[in-house]
Amino acid sequence: DGHYVAVFDPLDGSSNIDAGIPVGTIFGIFDQANECPIDFDDMGNTAERCLQDALQPGTNLVAAGYCLYSSATNFVFTLGHGVVGFTLDERIGEFVLTHPNMAIPSRGKIYSFNEANRWDWDAPLQKYVTDIQQGLGDTKSRYSSRYIGSMVADVHRTLQYGGIFGYPADNKNPDGKLRLLYEAAPMAFLVEQAGGLALTGKHRIMEIPPVSVHQRVPCILGSRGDVLEMRRYYVESQDPELMLRCQIRLQGAQALDDSSEEFFRLESIFLGEFNGDSLPHNDESIGEFGGANP
């Protein structure tokens, strides 16, 4: 009856179809604050008003999920109280509950990035990936690389096996390529409900309200311990250009609340003891960041 807003990517990984690589659908559902009655005599203003109602941060999501089309058809979703997974049984034409309580491992041994862009990534991410490849990270394990190139498929594997997946910022795409509203935010909600974490590199994706429907955002998600370890590299960076880009990306959040102090306070509560960096003022640098527990 008009009380919800649905956003979705109908076919994630569509460029892989002809190669037979898994693709999927991503969706998110927001609890709409106001109804959006249709005025057929003024469709222009009606569309604009309804569009503004759709521009909400991930914290307003009430449901999110994806459908993976692969060797099996999997439907994974959350209503904000954990994550469940269903598998299509083609014999009876129905989805059967096969994963009643999906929980991502706190640590994994797999990293999933498009390494062709490696030397265009932010320097902290380059260093992090190099360390986990060589066994120099917190776990002292050498991570393996697995990258499908379809977000739904890569996230589905990460949910089950743990590790870290990302489509990060690079020199060509300083805001990444994934869409905040209907790709990054719904997946961030799902991964957090499974016990993981989803960041832009330094900040929580769920806290950033979009300022446009197709706004892009860097997205790095996965096992909480792995993502927090990666975040430490960003916090320790003293690159002023990188720090400025991280701050500019939060303008949507500041516009929503007009209080960057409040944004950082809420983010600190969510990240807990791992969020050891202080809020920068003027030219002050970001402080030290504690290590993630294995």
Protein backbone atom coordinates (compact mmCIF):
# COMPACT_ATOMS: atom_id res chain seq x y z
CA ASP A 1 0.00 0.00 0.00
CA GLY A 2 2.87 2.38 -0.75
CA HIS A 3 4.76 2.17 2.55
CA TYR A 4 7.93 0.59 1.16
CA VAL A 5 10.53 1.46 -1.45
CA ALA A 6 12.24 -1.35 -3.38
CA VAL A 7 15.58 -0.93 -5.13
CA PHE A 8 17.38 -3.59 -7.14
CA ASP A 9 20.05 -4.51 -9.64
CA PRO A 10 18.17 -6.93 -11.92
CA LEU A 11 21.22 -8.69 -13.35
CA ASP A 12 24.53 -8.23 -11.58
CA GLY A 13 27.46 -9.58 -13.61
CA SER A 14 25.53 -9.40 -16.89
CA SER A 15 28.77 -9.11 -18.92
CA ASN A 16 29.54 -12.70 -17.83
CA ILE A 17 26.39 -14.29 -19.24
CA ASP A 18 27.83 -15.50 -22.54
CA ALA A 19 30.74 -17.11 -20.67
CA GLY A 20 28.41 -19.13 -18.45
CA ILE A 21 29.72 -17.47 -15.30
CA PRO A 22 27.28 -17.11 -12.35
CA VAL A 23 25.18 -13.93 -12.26
CA GLY A 24 22.54 -12.70 -9.84
CA THR A 25 19.95 -10.19 -8.70
CA ILE A 26 20.43 -7.82 -5.75
CA PHE A 27 17.56 -6.09 -3.95
CA GLY A 28 16.89 -3.86 -0.97
CA ILE A 29 13.65 -2.70 0.67
CA PHE A 30 13.37 0.55 2.61
CA ASP A 31 10.65 1.54 5.03
CA GLN A 32 9.34 4.62 3.25
CA ALA A 33 8.77 7.53 5.65
CA ASN A 34 6.02 9.11 3.54
CA GLU A 35 3.54 7.76 1.05
CA CYS A 36 4.05 8.84 -2.53
CA PRO A 37 0.61 9.44 -4.08
CA ILE A 38 0.62 9.70 -7.85
CA ASP A 39 -0.54 13.02 -9.30
CA PHE A 40 -1.19 12.28 -12.98
CA ASP A 41 -1.56 16.00 -13.70
CA ASP A 42 1.94 16.71 -12.41
CA MET A 43 4.06 13.64 -13.12
CA GLY A 44 7.33 15.59 -13.16
CA ASN A 45 7.10 16.75 -9.55
CA THR A 46 5.60 13.40 -8.50
CA ALA A 47 8.58 11.49 -9.90
CA GLU A 48 11.01 13.87 -8.22
CA ARG A 49 9.26 13.55 -4.86
CA CYS A 50 9.11 9.75 -5.04
CA LEU A 51 12.76 9.62 -6.09
CA GLN A 52 13.83 11.62 -3.05
CA ASP A 53 12.03 9.11 -0.82
CA ALA A 54 14.21 6.36 -2.32
CA LEU A 55 17.48 8.11 -1.43
CA GLN A 56 17.98 6.59 2.01
CA PRO A 57 21.04 5.24 3.84
CA GLY A 58 21.45 1.53 4.35
CA THR A 59 20.55 1.91 8.03
CA ASN A 60 16.94 2.41 6.86
CA LEU A 61 16.80 -0.96 5.09
CA VAL A 62 14.27 -3.42 6.48
CA ALA A 63 15.12 -6.25 4.07
CA ALA A 64 17.80 -7.09 1.53
CA GLY A 65 19.09 -10.05 -0.37
CA TYR A 66 20.17 -11.62 -3.60
CA CYS A 67 19.36 -14.46 -5.95
CA LEU A 68 22.32 -16.35 -7.40
CA TYR A 69 21.89 -18.11 -10.75
CA SER A 70 24.61 -20.76 -10.90
CA SER A 71 24.86 -24.57 -10.68
CA ALA A 72 21.91 -24.09 -8.34
CA THR A 73 19.56 -21.15 -7.85
CA ASN A 74 20.08 -19.72 -4.36
CA PHE A 75 17.93 -17.07 -2.68
CA VAL A 76 19.62 -15.44 0.32
CA PHE A 77 18.03 -12.64 2.32
CA THR A 78 17.67 -10.88 5.64
CA LEU A 79 14.82 -9.13 7.42
CA GLY A 80 17.23 -7.60 9.91
CA HIS A 81 17.40 -10.62 12.20
CA GLY A 82 20.09 -12.84 10.74
CA VAL A 83 20.48 -14.30 7.25
CA VAL A 84 18.73 -17.31 5.72
CA GLY A 85 19.32 -19.10 2.43
CA PHE A 86 16.99 -21.09 0.20
CA THR A 87 17.79 -23.32 -2.79
CA LEU A 88 15.42 -23.88 -5.70
CA ASP A 89 14.26 -27.49 -5.94
CA GLU A 90 13.39 -27.84 -9.61
CA ARG A 91 11.53 -31.10 -9.00
CA ILE A 92 8.80 -29.38 -7.00
CA GLY A 93 9.29 -25.84 -8.32
CA GLU A 94 9.81 -24.32 -4.86
CA PHE A 95 12.61 -22.82 -2.79
CA VAL A 96 13.67 -25.06 0.09
CA LEU A 97 15.35 -23.76 3.25
CA THR A 98 18.92 -25.07 3.08
CA HIS A 99 20.83 -22.48 5.13
CA PRO A 100 18.70 -21.56 8.17
CA ASN A 101 21.33 -19.40 9.88
CA MET A 102 24.10 -18.15 7.60
CA ALA A 103 27.02 -16.75 9.57
CA ILE A 104 30.24 -15.59 7.95
CA PRO A 105 33.42 -16.87 9.66
CA SER A 106 35.19 -14.20 11.71
CA ARG A 107 38.30 -14.83 9.62
CA GLY A 108 38.99 -16.38 6.24
CA LYS A 109 41.96 -17.17 4.01
CA ILE A 110 40.64 -15.83 0.70
CA TYR A 111 40.88 -12.36 -0.78
CA SER A 112 38.78 -11.40 -3.81
CA PHE A 113 39.76 -8.31 -5.82
CA ASN A 114 40.40 -7.53 -9.47
CA GLU A 115 44.18 -7.42 -9.26
CA ALA A 116 44.51 -5.98 -12.75
CA ASN A 117 43.75 -2.65 -11.06
CA ARG A 118 46.15 -3.26 -8.18
CA TRP A 119 48.65 -0.49 -8.89
CA ASP A 120 45.82 2.02 -9.24
CA TRP A 121 44.34 1.21 -5.81
CA ASP A 122 44.81 3.35 -2.72
CA ALA A 123 48.28 2.75 -1.27
CA PRO A 124 46.92 1.32 2.03
CA LEU A 125 44.97 -1.36 0.16
CA GLN A 126 48.00 -2.26 -1.96
CA LYS A 127 50.04 -2.77 1.19
CA TYR A 128 47.32 -4.80 2.91
CA VAL A 129 46.90 -7.22 0.00
CA THR A 130 50.68 -7.61 -0.34
CA ASP A 131 50.96 -8.45 3.37
CA ILE A 132 48.23 -11.12 3.37
CA GLN A 133 49.69 -12.65 0.22
CA GLN A 134 53.05 -13.03 1.94
CA GLY A 135 51.69 -14.18 5.30
CA LEU A 136 52.61 -10.92 7.01
CA GLY A 137 49.10 -10.04 8.17
CA ASP A 138 47.63 -10.51 11.62
CA THR A 139 46.89 -14.22 11.11
CA LYS A 140 50.35 -14.96 9.61
CA SER A 141 48.55 -17.08 6.99
CA ARG A 142 49.12 -16.69 3.27
CA TYR A 143 45.76 -15.90 1.66
CA SER A 144 44.58 -17.37 -1.65
CA SER A 145 43.02 -15.32 -4.45
CA ARG A 146 39.54 -16.10 -5.77
CA TYR A 147 37.77 -13.59 -8.02
CA ILE A 148 34.74 -14.36 -10.21
CA GLY A 149 33.87 -10.83 -11.33
CA SER A 150 30.20 -11.13 -10.40
CA MET A 151 29.45 -9.48 -7.06
CA VAL A 152 26.65 -11.87 -6.11
CA ALA A 153 28.82 -14.94 -6.75
CA ASP A 154 31.85 -13.49 -4.95
CA VAL A 155 29.77 -12.41 -1.95
CA HIS A 156 28.02 -15.79 -1.80
CA ARG A 157 31.38 -17.56 -1.56
CA THR A 158 32.67 -15.05 0.99
CA LEU A 159 29.60 -15.54 3.19
CA GLN A 160 30.23 -19.27 3.34
CA TYR A 161 34.03 -19.49 3.45
CA GLY A 162 35.00 -16.14 4.95
CA GLY A 163 37.70 -13.76 3.79
CA ILE A 164 37.44 -10.39 2.12
CA PHE A 165 35.89 -9.18 -1.16
CA GLY A 166 36.20 -5.75 -2.66
CA TYR A 167 35.57 -3.44 -5.57
CA PRO A 168 37.69 -0.59 -4.25
CA ALA A 169 38.51 2.91 -5.37
CA ASP A 170 41.29 3.33 -7.93
CA ASN A 171 42.86 6.14 -9.94
CA LYS A 172 40.37 5.72 -12.77
CA ASN A 173 37.34 5.27 -10.50
CA PRO A 174 38.01 7.20 -7.26
CA ASP A 175 34.56 6.23 -5.98
CA GLY A 176 34.68 2.65 -7.17
CA LYS A 177 32.10 1.27 -9.60
CA LEU A 178 29.43 -0.33 -7.43
CA ARG A 179 26.19 1.60 -6.90
CA LEU A 180 25.58 2.61 -3.31
CA LEU A 181 21.77 2.52 -3.31
CA TYR A 182 21.02 -0.82 -4.95
CA GLU A 183 24.26 -2.81 -4.79
CA ALA A 184 26.62 -1.82 -1.98
CA ALA A 185 24.08 -0.89 0.71
CA PRO A 186 21.86 -4.02 0.37
CA MET A 187 24.92 -6.28 0.34
CA ALA A 188 26.40 -4.41 3.30
CA PHE A 189 23.16 -4.96 5.26
CA LEU A 190 23.18 -8.66 4.42
CA VAL A 191 26.85 -9.16 5.32
CA GLU A 192 26.50 -7.28 8.62
CA GLN A 193 23.48 -9.42 9.52
CA ALA A 194 25.66 -12.48 8.92
CA GLY A 195 28.26 -11.12 11.35
CA GLY A 196 30.59 -9.48 8.82
CA LEU A 197 31.46 -5.90 8.00
CA ALA A 198 31.25 -3.69 4.90
CA LEU A 199 33.32 -0.52 4.51
CA THR A 200 34.38 1.94 1.83
CA GLY A 201 37.91 1.26 3.00
CA LYS A 202 37.61 3.30 6.18
CA HIS A 203 33.95 4.12 6.80
CA ARG A 204 30.81 2.03 7.18
CA ILE A 205 28.79 1.84 3.96
CA MET A 206 25.48 1.55 5.81
CA GLU A 207 25.88 5.05 7.25
CA ILE A 208 26.23 6.87 3.92
CA PRO A 209 22.99 8.20 2.42
CA PRO A 210 23.02 8.48 -1.37
CA VAL A 211 22.68 11.88 -2.98
CA SER A 212 21.76 10.37 -6.36
CA VAL A 213 20.23 7.10 -7.53
CA HIS A 214 23.31 5.87 -9.38
CA GLN A 215 25.94 7.17 -6.95
CA ARG A 216 29.02 4.95 -6.80
CA VAL A 217 30.96 3.94 -3.72
CA PRO A 218 34.04 1.81 -2.97
CA CYS A 219 32.99 -1.45 -1.34
CA ILE A 220 35.13 -3.83 0.73
CA LEU A 221 33.28 -6.46 2.75
CA GLY A 222 33.63 -9.85 4.36
CA SER A 223 34.80 -11.44 7.60
CA ARG A 224 34.83 -8.86 10.38
CA GLY A 225 38.39 -9.57 11.45
CA ASP A 226 39.73 -9.35 7.91
CA VAL A 227 37.87 -6.14 7.06
CA LEU A 228 38.96 -4.47 10.29
CA GLU A 229 42.56 -5.46 9.65
CA MET A 230 42.33 -3.89 6.18
CA ARG A 231 40.80 -0.76 7.71
CA ARG A 232 43.78 -0.28 9.98
CA TYR A 233 45.97 0.32 6.92
CA TYR A 234 43.66 3.18 5.89
CA VAL A 235 43.57 4.66 9.38
CA GLU A 236 47.35 4.64 9.63
CA SER A 237 47.76 6.37 6.27
CA GLN A 238 48.85 9.99 6.46
CA ASP A 239 48.16 10.70 2.79
CA PRO A 240 46.30 14.07 2.85
CA GLU A 241 44.65 13.47 -0.53
CA LEU A 242 43.30 10.09 0.59
CA MET A 243 42.08 11.53 3.90
CA LEU A 244 40.30 14.34 2.03
CA ARG A 245 38.59 11.90 -0.33
CA CYS A 246 37.35 9.86 2.62
CA GLN A 247 35.90 13.01 4.19
CA ILE A 248 34.27 14.23 0.97
CA ARG A 249 32.57 10.88 0.54
CA LEU A 250 30.74 11.51 3.83
CA GLN A 251 29.11 14.74 2.63
CA GLY A 252 25.85 12.92 2.08
CA ALA A 253 25.84 11.78 5.70
CA GLN A 254 26.67 15.28 6.92
CA ALA A 255 23.92 16.78 4.78
CA LEU A 256 21.43 14.36 6.29
CA ASP A 257 22.32 15.18 9.88
CA ASP A 258 24.44 18.33 9.49
CA SER A 259 26.71 16.91 12.17
CA SER A 260 29.90 15.09 11.21
CA GLU A 261 30.66 14.69 14.93
CA GLU A 262 27.46 12.69 15.40
CA PHE A 263 28.22 10.55 12.34
CA PHE A 264 31.65 9.60 13.66
CA ARG A 265 30.22 8.97 17.15
CA LEU A 266 27.67 6.48 15.78
CA GLU A 267 30.27 4.83 13.54
CA SER A 268 32.64 4.50 16.51
CA ILE A 269 29.93 2.73 18.51
CA PHE A 270 29.34 0.24 15.66
CA LEU A 271 33.03 -0.49 15.04
CA GLY A 272 33.70 -0.69 18.77
CA GLU A 273 37.22 -1.14 20.08
CA PHE A 274 38.63 -1.36 16.55
CA ASN A 275 37.72 2.24 15.76
CA GLY A 276 40.71 3.78 17.52
CA ASP A 277 41.15 6.74 15.18
CA SER A 278 40.17 10.21 16.37
CA LEU A 279 37.99 12.60 14.42
CA PRO A 280 40.22 14.91 12.38
CA HIS A 281 39.91 18.65 12.99
CA ASN A 282 41.56 21.22 10.75
CA ASP A 283 45.01 19.79 9.90
CA GLU A 284 45.22 17.23 12.67
CA SER A 285 46.14 13.74 11.50
CA ILE A 286 44.20 10.59 12.21
CA GLY A 287 45.39 8.77 15.30
CA GLU A 288 46.62 5.25 15.88
CA PHE A 289 44.33 2.30 15.19
CA GLY A 290 44.33 -0.92 17.19
CA GLY A 291 44.84 -4.32 15.61
CA ALA A 292 41.94 -6.60 14.79
CA ASN A 293 41.60 -9.75 16.81
CA PRO A 294 42.12 -12.95 14.83
